[in-house]
Amino acid sequence: MAVPQLTSVQRQPHAKYERLIGLAKQVPRATTLVVHPCDETSLRGAIEAAAIGIIDPILIGPATKITTVARQHKLNINKFEIIDAPHSEAAAAKAVELIREAKGELLMKGSLHTDELMRAVTSGANGLRTARRISHVFVMDVPTHPEVLFITDAAINIFPDLEVKRDIVQNAIDFFTQLGFGTPRVALLSAVETVTNKIPSTIEAAALCKMADRGQITGGLLDGPLAFDNAIDPEAVKIKGIRSEVAGRAQILVVPDLEAGNMLAKNLTFLAKADAAGIVLGARVPIILTSRADSLLARRASCAIAVLFADSQRRVAALRET
């Protein structure tokens, strides 16, 4: 199913997420391995995503603890398969094993720490690595901004070098285009819009743009370095006299490092009242990576974008087989 571009201004709160969730309802459900859903928020998030018809969850973790949490919070999990695993590490390892056996299409983080799940995902020959570097994308619904903003990488790669940034950018572009949103405008963020050896991220941004010119990055329109205001605000671009197809209209924001990305995403969340859906890319399957602080809507949106991406990958694989 082709997904239309999200280009129209939507002023209603959460309208952009609701639209993504609506699109996810139009594609087949994805079998989702929910890793260690041992608190109310993570268990409820999986149940609600199943209730709206976008995932079929399999719960992996200590069975007694999962059923106890469900009983305490009056959550009905009777129709869901539970695979018993004694603790969070074992649950992560079991989920990865099942993915390798083609018994699931998505992974979903429960109440375990991110690094526990990612250790299993990146584990040598038994993990889910591909040739591409694994990275994270926040898909943010900012009430004051007309479009969904994709922010990467604010959760996995701490201080990525140029080669890692190339994969981070390509992962985000592929994600954007496979969702059917068209050709993305990609801003490589720094503190300024000029290249200076005093700020290494400006040099890397310029190098990434040249890599795109040479075909080392494909599928998107890149520009950088750009300061945040010059990336998203047309008036700031006009004042600065910047000529660019990306500046003022960026859809993907590539941050210099995890610290900058984490602060940007949390500033938007807590000051601009944005919701932040999260997904990990570059592994064999999409990974729904949620935070304990996420709203239930953000958790459903995380499931929705992962389901849409998995459906796109399913259709691509089917075309290759014909």
C-alpha atoms as a PDB file:
ATOM      1  CA  MET A   1       0.000   0.000   0.000  1.00  0.00           C
ATOM      2  CA  ALA A   2       1.363   3.421  -0.957  1.00  0.00           C
ATOM      3  CA  VAL A   3       1.502   5.833   1.967  1.00  0.00           C
ATOM      4  CA  PRO A   4       0.812   9.489   1.085  1.00  0.00           C
ATOM      5  CA  GLN A   5       3.210  12.222   2.097  1.00  0.00           C
ATOM      6  CA  LEU A   6       2.512  13.945   5.400  1.00  0.00           C
ATOM      7  CA  THR A   7       2.771  17.480   4.070  1.00  0.00           C
ATOM      8  CA  SER A   8      -0.418  19.232   5.111  1.00  0.00           C
ATOM      9  CA  VAL A   9      -0.501  21.409   8.193  1.00  0.00           C
ATOM     10  CA  GLN A  10      -2.386  19.607  10.951  1.00  0.00           C
ATOM     11  CA  ARG A  11      -3.105  21.794  13.960  1.00  0.00           C
ATOM     12  CA  GLN A  12      -5.119  19.322  16.001  1.00  0.00           C
ATOM     13  CA  PRO A  13      -3.119  17.737  18.848  1.00  0.00           C
ATOM     14  CA  HIS A  14      -1.654  14.381  17.837  1.00  0.00           C
ATOM     15  CA  ALA A  15      -3.242  14.524  14.372  1.00  0.00           C
ATOM     16  CA  LYS A  16      -0.035  13.400  12.683  1.00  0.00           C
ATOM     17  CA  TYR A  17       0.284  10.334  14.937  1.00  0.00           C
ATOM     18  CA  GLU A  18      -3.368   9.454  14.544  1.00  0.00           C
ATOM     19  CA  ARG A  19      -2.889   9.531  10.784  1.00  0.00           C
ATOM     20  CA  LEU A  20       0.101   7.166  11.002  1.00  0.00           C
ATOM     21  CA  ILE A  21      -1.869   4.812  13.236  1.00  0.00           C
ATOM     22  CA  GLY A  22      -4.745   4.931  10.758  1.00  0.00           C
ATOM     23  CA  LEU A  23      -2.389   3.975   7.934  1.00  0.00           C
ATOM     24  CA  ALA A  24      -0.988   1.086   9.979  1.00  0.00           C
ATOM     25  CA  LYS A  25      -4.501  -0.295  10.397  1.00  0.00           C
ATOM     26  CA  GLN A  26      -4.715  -0.678   6.622  1.00  0.00           C
ATOM     27  CA  VAL A  27      -1.815  -3.145   6.355  1.00  0.00           C
ATOM     28  CA  PRO A  28      -1.489  -6.690   7.756  1.00  0.00           C
ATOM     29  CA  ARG A  29      -0.791  -7.040  11.458  1.00  0.00           C
ATOM     30  CA  ALA A  30       2.838  -7.732  12.349  1.00  0.00           C
ATOM     31  CA  THR A  31       3.800 -10.534  14.710  1.00  0.00           C
ATOM     32  CA  THR A  32       5.637  -8.640  17.441  1.00  0.00           C
ATOM     33  CA  LEU A  33       7.899 -10.151  20.088  1.00  0.00           C
ATOM     34  CA  VAL A  34       7.469  -8.036  23.215  1.00  0.00           C
ATOM     35  CA  VAL A  35      10.575  -8.413  25.355  1.00  0.00           C
ATOM     36  CA  HIS A  36      10.093  -8.491  29.141  1.00  0.00           C
ATOM     37  CA  PRO A  37       6.780  -6.577  29.424  1.00  0.00           C
ATOM     38  CA  CYS A  38       6.854  -6.654  33.206  1.00  0.00           C
ATOM     39  CA  ASP A  39       5.329  -3.311  34.123  1.00  0.00           C
ATOM     40  CA  GLU A  40       1.939  -1.768  33.448  1.00  0.00           C
ATOM     41  CA  THR A  41       3.083   0.724  30.797  1.00  0.00           C
ATOM     42  CA  SER A  42       4.904  -1.706  28.518  1.00  0.00           C
ATOM     43  CA  LEU A  43       2.254  -4.412  28.873  1.00  0.00           C
ATOM     44  CA  ARG A  44      -0.605  -1.978  28.303  1.00  0.00           C
ATOM     45  CA  GLY A  45       1.160  -0.499  25.268  1.00  0.00           C
ATOM     46  CA  ALA A  46       1.379  -3.915  23.598  1.00  0.00           C
ATOM     47  CA  ILE A  47      -2.219  -4.770  24.491  1.00  0.00           C
ATOM     48  CA  GLU A  48      -3.563  -1.468  23.125  1.00  0.00           C
ATOM     49  CA  ALA A  49      -1.587  -1.798  19.885  1.00  0.00           C
ATOM     50  CA  ALA A  50      -3.133  -5.249  19.495  1.00  0.00           C
ATOM     51  CA  ALA A  51      -6.587  -3.926  20.341  1.00  0.00           C
ATOM     52  CA  ILE A  52      -6.478  -1.338  17.547  1.00  0.00           C
ATOM     53  CA  GLY A  53      -5.453  -4.046  15.096  1.00  0.00           C
ATOM     54  CA  ILE A  54      -1.833  -3.301  14.180  1.00  0.00           C
ATOM     55  CA  ILE A  55       0.237  -5.977  15.967  1.00  0.00           C
ATOM     56  CA  ASP A  56      -0.108  -9.573  17.165  1.00  0.00           C
ATOM     57  CA  PRO A  57       2.050  -9.623  20.297  1.00  0.00           C
ATOM     58  CA  ILE A  58       3.930 -12.568  21.752  1.00  0.00           C
ATOM     59  CA  LEU A  59       4.972 -11.807  25.335  1.00  0.00           C
ATOM     60  CA  ILE A  60       8.436 -13.014  26.347  1.00  0.00           C
ATOM     61  CA  GLY A  61       9.595 -12.879  29.957  1.00  0.00           C
ATOM     62  CA  PRO A  62       8.903 -14.334  33.407  1.00  0.00           C
ATOM     63  CA  ALA A  63       5.400 -15.727  32.916  1.00  0.00           C
ATOM     64  CA  THR A  64       4.412 -15.414  36.566  1.00  0.00           C
ATOM     65  CA  LYS A  65       5.515 -11.786  36.715  1.00  0.00           C
ATOM     66  CA  ILE A  66       3.719 -10.892  33.469  1.00  0.00           C
ATOM     67  CA  THR A  67       0.454 -12.477  34.614  1.00  0.00           C
ATOM     68  CA  THR A  68       0.774 -10.822  38.034  1.00  0.00           C
ATOM     69  CA  VAL A  69       1.195  -7.378  36.462  1.00  0.00           C
ATOM     70  CA  ALA A  70      -1.784  -8.055  34.194  1.00  0.00           C
ATOM     71  CA  ARG A  71      -3.948  -9.113  37.142  1.00  0.00           C
ATOM     72  CA  GLN A  72      -2.897  -6.141  39.304  1.00  0.00           C
ATOM     73  CA  HIS A  73      -3.788  -3.644  36.580  1.00  0.00           C
ATOM     74  CA  LYS A  74      -6.847  -5.497  35.220  1.00  0.00           C
ATOM     75  CA  LEU A  75      -5.263  -6.142  31.827  1.00  0.00           C
ATOM     76  CA  ASN A  76      -6.638  -9.029  29.779  1.00  0.00           C
ATOM     77  CA  ILE A  77      -3.804 -11.064  28.242  1.00  0.00           C
ATOM     78  CA  ASN A  78      -5.682 -14.353  27.904  1.00  0.00           C
ATOM     79  CA  LYS A  79      -5.481 -14.433  24.090  1.00  0.00           C
ATOM     80  CA  PHE A  80      -1.737 -13.712  23.927  1.00  0.00           C
ATOM     81  CA  GLU A  81       0.990 -16.332  23.827  1.00  0.00           C
ATOM     82  CA  ILE A  82       3.474 -16.053  26.696  1.00  0.00           C
ATOM     83  CA  ILE A  83       6.950 -17.549  26.324  1.00  0.00           C
ATOM     84  CA  ASP A  84       8.508 -18.013  29.738  1.00  0.00           C
ATOM     85  CA  ALA A  85      12.033 -16.623  30.238  1.00  0.00           C
ATOM     86  CA  PRO A  86      13.521 -16.304  33.738  1.00  0.00           C
ATOM     87  CA  HIS A  87      14.833 -12.732  33.449  1.00  0.00           C
ATOM     88  CA  SER A  88      15.284  -9.805  31.076  1.00  0.00           C
ATOM     89  CA  GLU A  89      18.550 -10.990  29.504  1.00  0.00           C
ATOM     90  CA  ALA A  90      17.072 -14.403  28.786  1.00  0.00           C
ATOM     91  CA  ALA A  91      13.958 -12.756  27.340  1.00  0.00           C
ATOM     92  CA  ALA A  92      16.048 -10.626  24.976  1.00  0.00           C
ATOM     93  CA  ALA A  93      18.101 -13.625  23.868  1.00  0.00           C
ATOM     94  CA  LYS A  94      14.951 -15.706  23.283  1.00  0.00           C
ATOM     95  CA  ALA A  95      13.324 -12.925  21.244  1.00  0.00           C
ATOM     96  CA  VAL A  96      16.388 -12.620  19.020  1.00  0.00           C
ATOM     97  CA  GLU A  97      16.460 -16.399  18.567  1.00  0.00           C
ATOM     98  CA  LEU A  98      12.806 -16.388  17.467  1.00  0.00           C
ATOM     99  CA  ILE A  99      13.466 -13.587  14.983  1.00  0.00           C
ATOM    100  CA  ARG A 100      16.322 -15.622  13.502  1.00  0.00           C
ATOM    101  CA  GLU A 101      13.879 -18.529  13.176  1.00  0.00           C
ATOM    102  CA  ALA A 102      11.454 -16.215  11.274  1.00  0.00           C
ATOM    103  CA  LYS A 103       8.847 -16.449  14.031  1.00  0.00           C
ATOM    104  CA  GLY A 104       8.388 -12.705  14.384  1.00  0.00           C
ATOM    105  CA  GLU A 105       8.504  -9.559  12.258  1.00  0.00           C
ATOM    106  CA  LEU A 106       9.153  -6.932  14.940  1.00  0.00           C
ATOM    107  CA  LEU A 107      10.862  -6.628  18.312  1.00  0.00           C
ATOM    108  CA  MET A 108       9.339  -4.404  20.991  1.00  0.00           C
ATOM    109  CA  LYS A 109      11.164  -3.270  24.107  1.00  0.00           C
ATOM    110  CA  GLY A 110       9.359  -3.905  27.362  1.00  0.00           C
ATOM    111  CA  SER A 111      10.522  -2.894  30.838  1.00  0.00           C
ATOM    112  CA  LEU A 112      14.159  -3.954  30.441  1.00  0.00           C
ATOM    113  CA  HIS A 113      17.033  -1.519  29.860  1.00  0.00           C
ATOM    114  CA  THR A 114      17.805  -0.583  26.263  1.00  0.00           C
ATOM    115  CA  ASP A 115      21.387  -1.843  26.531  1.00  0.00           C
ATOM    116  CA  GLU A 116      20.157  -5.298  27.630  1.00  0.00           C
ATOM    117  CA  LEU A 117      18.017  -5.619  24.532  1.00  0.00           C
ATOM    118  CA  MET A 118      20.652  -4.177  22.214  1.00  0.00           C
ATOM    119  CA  ARG A 119      23.354  -6.526  23.561  1.00  0.00           C
ATOM    120  CA  ALA A 120      21.265  -9.456  22.356  1.00  0.00           C
ATOM    121  CA  VAL A 121      20.516  -7.746  19.039  1.00  0.00           C
ATOM    122  CA  THR A 122      24.194  -6.958  18.331  1.00  0.00           C
ATOM    123  CA  SER A 123      25.634 -10.193  19.709  1.00  0.00           C
ATOM    124  CA  GLY A 124      28.160 -11.655  17.257  1.00  0.00           C
ATOM    125  CA  ALA A 125      26.932 -14.480  15.054  1.00  0.00           C
ATOM    126  CA  ASN A 126      23.733 -14.956  17.081  1.00  0.00           C
ATOM    127  CA  GLY A 127      22.421 -11.404  16.860  1.00  0.00           C
ATOM    128  CA  LEU A 128      20.488  -9.475  14.248  1.00  0.00           C
ATOM    129  CA  ARG A 129      23.212  -7.349  12.673  1.00  0.00           C
ATOM    130  CA  THR A 130      23.275  -6.574   8.972  1.00  0.00           C
ATOM    131  CA  ALA A 131      25.937  -4.883   6.868  1.00  0.00           C
ATOM    132  CA  ARG A 132      24.438  -1.540   7.912  1.00  0.00           C
ATOM    133  CA  ARG A 133      25.208   0.162  11.228  1.00  0.00           C
ATOM    134  CA  ILE A 134      22.289   0.005  13.666  1.00  0.00           C
ATOM    135  CA  SER A 135      20.785   3.406  14.504  1.00  0.00           C
ATOM    136  CA  HIS A 136      17.726   4.996  16.068  1.00  0.00           C
ATOM    137  CA  VAL A 137      15.139   7.438  14.734  1.00  0.00           C
ATOM    138  CA  PHE A 138      12.682   9.503  16.749  1.00  0.00           C
ATOM    139  CA  VAL A 139       9.518  10.275  14.799  1.00  0.00           C
ATOM    140  CA  MET A 140       8.214  13.358  16.580  1.00  0.00           C
ATOM    141  CA  ASP A 141       4.760  14.915  16.488  1.00  0.00           C
ATOM    142  CA  VAL A 142       5.426  18.543  17.468  1.00  0.00           C
ATOM    143  CA  PRO A 143       2.101  20.396  17.885  1.00  0.00           C
ATOM    144  CA  THR A 144       3.534  23.696  16.616  1.00  0.00           C
ATOM    145  CA  HIS A 145       5.186  22.213  13.526  1.00  0.00           C
ATOM    146  CA  PRO A 146       3.303  21.249  10.340  1.00  0.00           C
ATOM    147  CA  GLU A 147       5.167  18.007   9.610  1.00  0.00           C
ATOM    148  CA  VAL A 148       6.429  14.980  11.463  1.00  0.00           C
ATOM    149  CA  LEU A 149      10.112  15.457  12.340  1.00  0.00           C
ATOM    150  CA  PHE A 150      12.563  12.548  12.110  1.00  0.00           C
ATOM    151  CA  ILE A 151      15.514  12.978  14.519  1.00  0.00           C
ATOM    152  CA  THR A 152      18.530  10.674  14.362  1.00  0.00           C
ATOM    153  CA  ASP A 153      20.523   9.330  16.185  1.00  0.00           C
ATOM    154  CA  ALA A 154      19.574  10.165  19.755  1.00  0.00           C
ATOM    155  CA  ALA A 155      19.625   6.723  21.389  1.00  0.00           C
ATOM    156  CA  ILE A 156      22.198   4.246  20.024  1.00  0.00           C
ATOM    157  CA  ASN A 157      25.437   5.740  18.630  1.00  0.00           C
ATOM    158  CA  ILE A 158      27.104   8.023  21.166  1.00  0.00           C
ATOM    159  CA  PHE A 159      29.843   9.767  19.175  1.00  0.00           C
ATOM    160  CA  PRO A 160      29.505   8.459  15.606  1.00  0.00           C
ATOM    161  CA  ASP A 161      32.374   8.978  13.177  1.00  0.00           C
ATOM    162  CA  LEU A 162      31.877   9.900   9.526  1.00  0.00           C
ATOM    163  CA  GLU A 163      31.338   6.316   8.304  1.00  0.00           C
ATOM    164  CA  VAL A 164      28.801   5.625  11.049  1.00  0.00           C
ATOM    165  CA  LYS A 165      27.026   8.901  10.270  1.00  0.00           C
ATOM    166  CA  ARG A 166      26.758   7.805   6.664  1.00  0.00           C
ATOM    167  CA  ASP A 167      24.809   4.731   7.788  1.00  0.00           C
ATOM    168  CA  ILE A 168      22.718   6.781  10.225  1.00  0.00           C
ATOM    169  CA  VAL A 169      21.707   9.113   7.399  1.00  0.00           C
ATOM    170  CA  GLN A 170      21.052   6.278   4.940  1.00  0.00           C
ATOM    171  CA  ASN A 171      18.974   4.334   7.481  1.00  0.00           C
ATOM    172  CA  ALA A 172      16.775   7.376   8.073  1.00  0.00           C
ATOM    173  CA  ILE A 173      16.386   8.088   4.354  1.00  0.00           C
ATOM    174  CA  ASP A 174      15.491   4.469   3.587  1.00  0.00           C
ATOM    175  CA  PHE A 175      12.989   4.459   6.452  1.00  0.00           C
ATOM    176  CA  PHE A 176      11.365   7.684   5.242  1.00  0.00           C
ATOM    177  CA  THR A 177      11.140   6.595   1.617  1.00  0.00           C
ATOM    178  CA  GLN A 178       9.967   3.046   2.348  1.00  0.00           C
ATOM    179  CA  LEU A 179       7.117   4.476   4.388  1.00  0.00           C
ATOM    180  CA  GLY A 180       6.064   6.154   1.154  1.00  0.00           C
ATOM    181  CA  PHE A 181       6.684   9.753   2.205  1.00  0.00           C
ATOM    182  CA  GLY A 182       8.701  10.633  -0.906  1.00  0.00           C
ATOM    183  CA  THR A 183      12.211  12.095  -1.088  1.00  0.00           C
ATOM    184  CA  PRO A 184      13.213  13.499   2.307  1.00  0.00           C
ATOM    185  CA  ARG A 185      14.909  16.819   2.973  1.00  0.00           C
ATOM    186  CA  VAL A 186      17.781  16.012   5.327  1.00  0.00           C
ATOM    187  CA  ALA A 187      19.431  18.665   7.520  1.00  0.00           C
ATOM    188  CA  LEU A 188      22.840  17.898   9.039  1.00  0.00           C
ATOM    189  CA  LEU A 189      22.751  19.879  12.247  1.00  0.00           C
ATOM    190  CA  SER A 190      25.498  21.821  13.948  1.00  0.00           C
ATOM    191  CA  ALA A 191      25.761  25.081  15.897  1.00  0.00           C
ATOM    192  CA  VAL A 192      26.337  27.185  12.783  1.00  0.00           C
ATOM    193  CA  GLU A 193      25.681  27.030   9.060  1.00  0.00           C
ATOM    194  CA  THR A 194      29.254  27.644   7.951  1.00  0.00           C
ATOM    195  CA  VAL A 195      32.113  25.140   7.782  1.00  0.00           C
ATOM    196  CA  THR A 196      34.837  25.708  10.363  1.00  0.00           C
ATOM    197  CA  ASN A 197      37.591  23.488  11.719  1.00  0.00           C
ATOM    198  CA  LYS A 198      36.760  24.805  15.201  1.00  0.00           C
ATOM    199  CA  ILE A 199      33.523  22.768  15.126  1.00  0.00           C
ATOM    200  CA  PRO A 200      34.192  19.259  13.772  1.00  0.00           C
ATOM    201  CA  SER A 201      30.506  18.524  13.148  1.00  0.00           C
ATOM    202  CA  THR A 202      30.456  21.246  10.464  1.00  0.00           C
ATOM    203  CA  ILE A 203      33.247  19.485   8.575  1.00  0.00           C
ATOM    204  CA  GLU A 204      31.485  16.117   8.831  1.00  0.00           C
ATOM    205  CA  ALA A 205      28.229  17.691   7.633  1.00  0.00           C
ATOM    206  CA  ALA A 206      29.984  19.110   4.588  1.00  0.00           C
ATOM    207  CA  ALA A 207      31.628  15.740   3.925  1.00  0.00           C
ATOM    208  CA  LEU A 208      28.265  13.941   4.137  1.00  0.00           C
ATOM    209  CA  CYS A 209      26.811  16.361   1.584  1.00  0.00           C
ATOM    210  CA  LYS A 210      29.698  15.615  -0.767  1.00  0.00           C
ATOM    211  CA  MET A 211      29.204  11.878  -0.172  1.00  0.00           C
ATOM    212  CA  ALA A 212      25.608  12.351  -1.330  1.00  0.00           C
ATOM    213  CA  ASP A 213      26.888  14.166  -4.426  1.00  0.00           C
ATOM    214  CA  ARG A 214      29.117  11.158  -5.169  1.00  0.00           C
ATOM    215  CA  GLY A 215      26.374   8.570  -4.671  1.00  0.00           C
ATOM    216  CA  GLN A 216      27.653   7.259  -1.330  1.00  0.00           C
ATOM    217  CA  ILE A 217      24.347   8.360   0.212  1.00  0.00           C
ATOM    218  CA  THR A 218      21.227   8.022  -1.927  1.00  0.00           C
ATOM    219  CA  GLY A 219      17.539   8.798  -1.891  1.00  0.00           C
ATOM    220  CA  GLY A 220      17.489  12.134  -0.064  1.00  0.00           C
ATOM    221  CA  LEU A 221      18.274  15.834  -0.428  1.00  0.00           C
ATOM    222  CA  LEU A 222      21.072  16.744   1.990  1.00  0.00           C
ATOM    223  CA  ASP A 223      22.300  20.095   3.255  1.00  0.00           C
ATOM    224  CA  GLY A 224      24.559  21.079   6.096  1.00  0.00           C
ATOM    225  CA  PRO A 225      25.893  22.252   8.292  1.00  0.00           C
ATOM    226  CA  LEU A 226      22.685  23.945   9.370  1.00  0.00           C
ATOM    227  CA  ALA A 227      21.824  25.341  12.775  1.00  0.00           C
ATOM    228  CA  PHE A 228      18.493  24.126  14.124  1.00  0.00           C
ATOM    229  CA  ASP A 229      16.626  27.345  13.325  1.00  0.00           C
ATOM    230  CA  ASN A 230      17.935  27.343   9.768  1.00  0.00           C
ATOM    231  CA  ALA A 231      16.826  23.743   9.355  1.00  0.00           C
ATOM    232  CA  ILE A 232      13.174  24.203  10.284  1.00  0.00           C
ATOM    233  CA  ASP A 233      12.256  27.907  10.127  1.00  0.00           C
ATOM    234  CA  PRO A 234      11.811  29.544   6.692  1.00  0.00           C
ATOM    235  CA  GLU A 235      12.011  33.021   8.223  1.00  0.00           C
ATOM    236  CA  ALA A 236      15.407  32.290   9.792  1.00  0.00           C
ATOM    237  CA  VAL A 237      16.607  31.049   6.393  1.00  0.00           C
ATOM    238  CA  LYS A 238      15.389  34.247   4.737  1.00  0.00           C
ATOM    239  CA  ILE A 239      17.140  36.435   7.296  1.00  0.00           C
ATOM    240  CA  LYS A 240      20.397  34.511   6.873  1.00  0.00           C
ATOM    241  CA  GLY A 241      20.114  34.564   3.073  1.00  0.00           C
ATOM    242  CA  ILE A 242      20.607  30.802   2.786  1.00  0.00           C
ATOM    243  CA  ARG A 243      19.769  29.276  -0.583  1.00  0.00           C
ATOM    244  CA  SER A 244      18.820  25.638  -0.182  1.00  0.00           C
ATOM    245  CA  GLU A 245      16.132  23.082  -1.011  1.00  0.00           C
ATOM    246  CA  VAL A 246      16.439  21.775   2.545  1.00  0.00           C
ATOM    247  CA  ALA A 247      16.926  24.801   4.807  1.00  0.00           C
ATOM    248  CA  GLY A 248      13.757  25.883   6.579  1.00  0.00           C
ATOM    249  CA  ARG A 249      11.900  22.764   5.370  1.00  0.00           C
ATOM    250  CA  ALA A 250      13.902  19.838   6.738  1.00  0.00           C
ATOM    251  CA  GLN A 251      12.075  16.605   7.498  1.00  0.00           C
ATOM    252  CA  ILE A 252      15.009  14.555   8.814  1.00  0.00           C
ATOM    253  CA  LEU A 253      17.307  16.183  11.379  1.00  0.00           C
ATOM    254  CA  VAL A 254      20.686  14.474  11.755  1.00  0.00           C
ATOM    255  CA  VAL A 255      22.319  15.469  15.038  1.00  0.00           C
ATOM    256  CA  PRO A 256      26.087  15.583  15.638  1.00  0.00           C
ATOM    257  CA  ASP A 257      26.023  13.062  18.502  1.00  0.00           C
ATOM    258  CA  LEU A 258      23.728  11.284  20.936  1.00  0.00           C
ATOM    259  CA  GLU A 259      24.005  13.998  23.590  1.00  0.00           C
ATOM    260  CA  ALA A 260      22.780  16.690  21.209  1.00  0.00           C
ATOM    261  CA  GLY A 261      20.024  14.451  19.859  1.00  0.00           C
ATOM    262  CA  ASN A 262      18.817  13.393  23.288  1.00  0.00           C
ATOM    263  CA  MET A 263      18.632  17.000  24.470  1.00  0.00           C
ATOM    264  CA  LEU A 264      16.849  18.116  21.298  1.00  0.00           C
ATOM    265  CA  ALA A 265      14.245  15.354  21.504  1.00  0.00           C
ATOM    266  CA  LYS A 266      13.610  15.905  25.205  1.00  0.00           C
ATOM    267  CA  ASN A 267      13.399  19.684  24.784  1.00  0.00           C
ATOM    268  CA  LEU A 268      10.715  19.185  22.147  1.00  0.00           C
ATOM    269  CA  THR A 269       8.943  16.651  24.350  1.00  0.00           C
ATOM    270  CA  PHE A 270       8.879  18.637  27.577  1.00  0.00           C
ATOM    271  CA  LEU A 271       8.832  22.250  26.354  1.00  0.00           C
ATOM    272  CA  ALA A 272       6.891  21.961  23.091  1.00  0.00           C
ATOM    273  CA  LYS A 273       4.670  19.095  24.342  1.00  0.00           C
ATOM    274  CA  ALA A 274       5.749  16.857  21.461  1.00  0.00           C
ATOM    275  CA  ASP A 275       5.293  13.097  21.400  1.00  0.00           C
ATOM    276  CA  ALA A 276       8.263  10.950  20.434  1.00  0.00           C
ATOM    277  CA  ALA A 277       7.797   7.588  18.756  1.00  0.00           C
ATOM    278  CA  GLY A 278      11.004   5.567  18.448  1.00  0.00           C
ATOM    279  CA  ILE A 279      12.352   2.863  16.169  1.00  0.00           C
ATOM    280  CA  VAL A 280      15.725   1.158  15.721  1.00  0.00           C
ATOM    281  CA  LEU A 281      16.848   0.535  12.139  1.00  0.00           C
ATOM    282  CA  GLY A 282      19.671  -1.409  10.505  1.00  0.00           C
ATOM    283  CA  ALA A 283      18.931  -4.754  12.191  1.00  0.00           C
ATOM    284  CA  ARG A 284      17.196  -7.696  10.508  1.00  0.00           C
ATOM    285  CA  VAL A 285      13.840  -6.397  11.724  1.00  0.00           C
ATOM    286  CA  PRO A 286      12.603  -3.034  13.004  1.00  0.00           C
ATOM    287  CA  ILE A 287      12.851  -2.641  16.771  1.00  0.00           C
ATOM    288  CA  ILE A 288      10.224  -0.638  18.654  1.00  0.00           C
ATOM    289  CA  LEU A 289      12.227   1.212  21.294  1.00  0.00           C
ATOM    290  CA  THR A 290      10.051   3.013  23.796  1.00  0.00           C
ATOM    291  CA  SER A 291      10.811   4.861  27.013  1.00  0.00           C
ATOM    292  CA  ARG A 292       9.119   4.397  30.363  1.00  0.00           C
ATOM    293  CA  ALA A 293       8.102   8.076  30.125  1.00  0.00           C
ATOM    294  CA  ASP A 294       6.359   7.625  26.749  1.00  0.00           C
ATOM    295  CA  SER A 295       2.631   8.195  26.522  1.00  0.00           C
ATOM    296  CA  LEU A 296       0.412   5.363  25.343  1.00  0.00           C
ATOM    297  CA  LEU A 297      -0.187   7.331  22.142  1.00  0.00           C
ATOM    298  CA  ALA A 298       3.574   7.502  21.502  1.00  0.00           C
ATOM    299  CA  ARG A 299       3.813   3.753  22.103  1.00  0.00           C
ATOM    300  CA  ARG A 300       1.016   3.102  19.622  1.00  0.00           C
ATOM    301  CA  ALA A 301       2.694   5.423  17.131  1.00  0.00           C
ATOM    302  CA  SER A 302       5.994   3.569  17.583  1.00  0.00           C
ATOM    303  CA  CYS A 303       4.175   0.344  16.778  1.00  0.00           C
ATOM    304  CA  ALA A 304       2.475   1.980  13.791  1.00  0.00           C
ATOM    305  CA  ILE A 305       5.673   3.193  12.119  1.00  0.00           C
ATOM    306  CA  ALA A 306       7.341  -0.167  12.716  1.00  0.00           C
ATOM    307  CA  VAL A 307       4.349  -2.015  11.224  1.00  0.00           C
ATOM    308  CA  LEU A 308       4.329   0.261   8.158  1.00  0.00           C
ATOM    309  CA  PHE A 309       8.069  -0.246   7.691  1.00  0.00           C
ATOM    310  CA  ALA A 310       7.786  -4.020   8.133  1.00  0.00           C
ATOM    311  CA  ASP A 311       4.966  -4.111   5.578  1.00  0.00           C
ATOM    312  CA  SER A 312       7.126  -2.194   3.104  1.00  0.00           C
ATOM    313  CA  GLN A 313      10.003  -4.633   3.646  1.00  0.00           C
ATOM    314  CA  ARG A 314       7.601  -7.561   3.214  1.00  0.00           C
ATOM    315  CA  ARG A 315       6.384  -6.183  -0.115  1.00  0.00           C
ATOM    316  CA  VAL A 316       9.936  -5.495  -1.320  1.00  0.00           C
ATOM    317  CA  ALA A 317      10.937  -9.080  -0.468  1.00  0.00           C
ATOM    318  CA  ALA A 318       7.897 -10.428  -2.325  1.00  0.00           C
ATOM    319  CA  LEU A 319       8.833  -8.441  -5.446  1.00  0.00           C
ATOM    320  CA  ARG A 320      12.361  -9.849  -5.346  1.00  0.00           C
ATOM    321  CA  GLU A 321      10.996 -13.388  -5.291  1.00  0.00           C
ATOM    322  CA  THR A 322       8.827 -12.853  -8.390  1.00  0.00           C
END
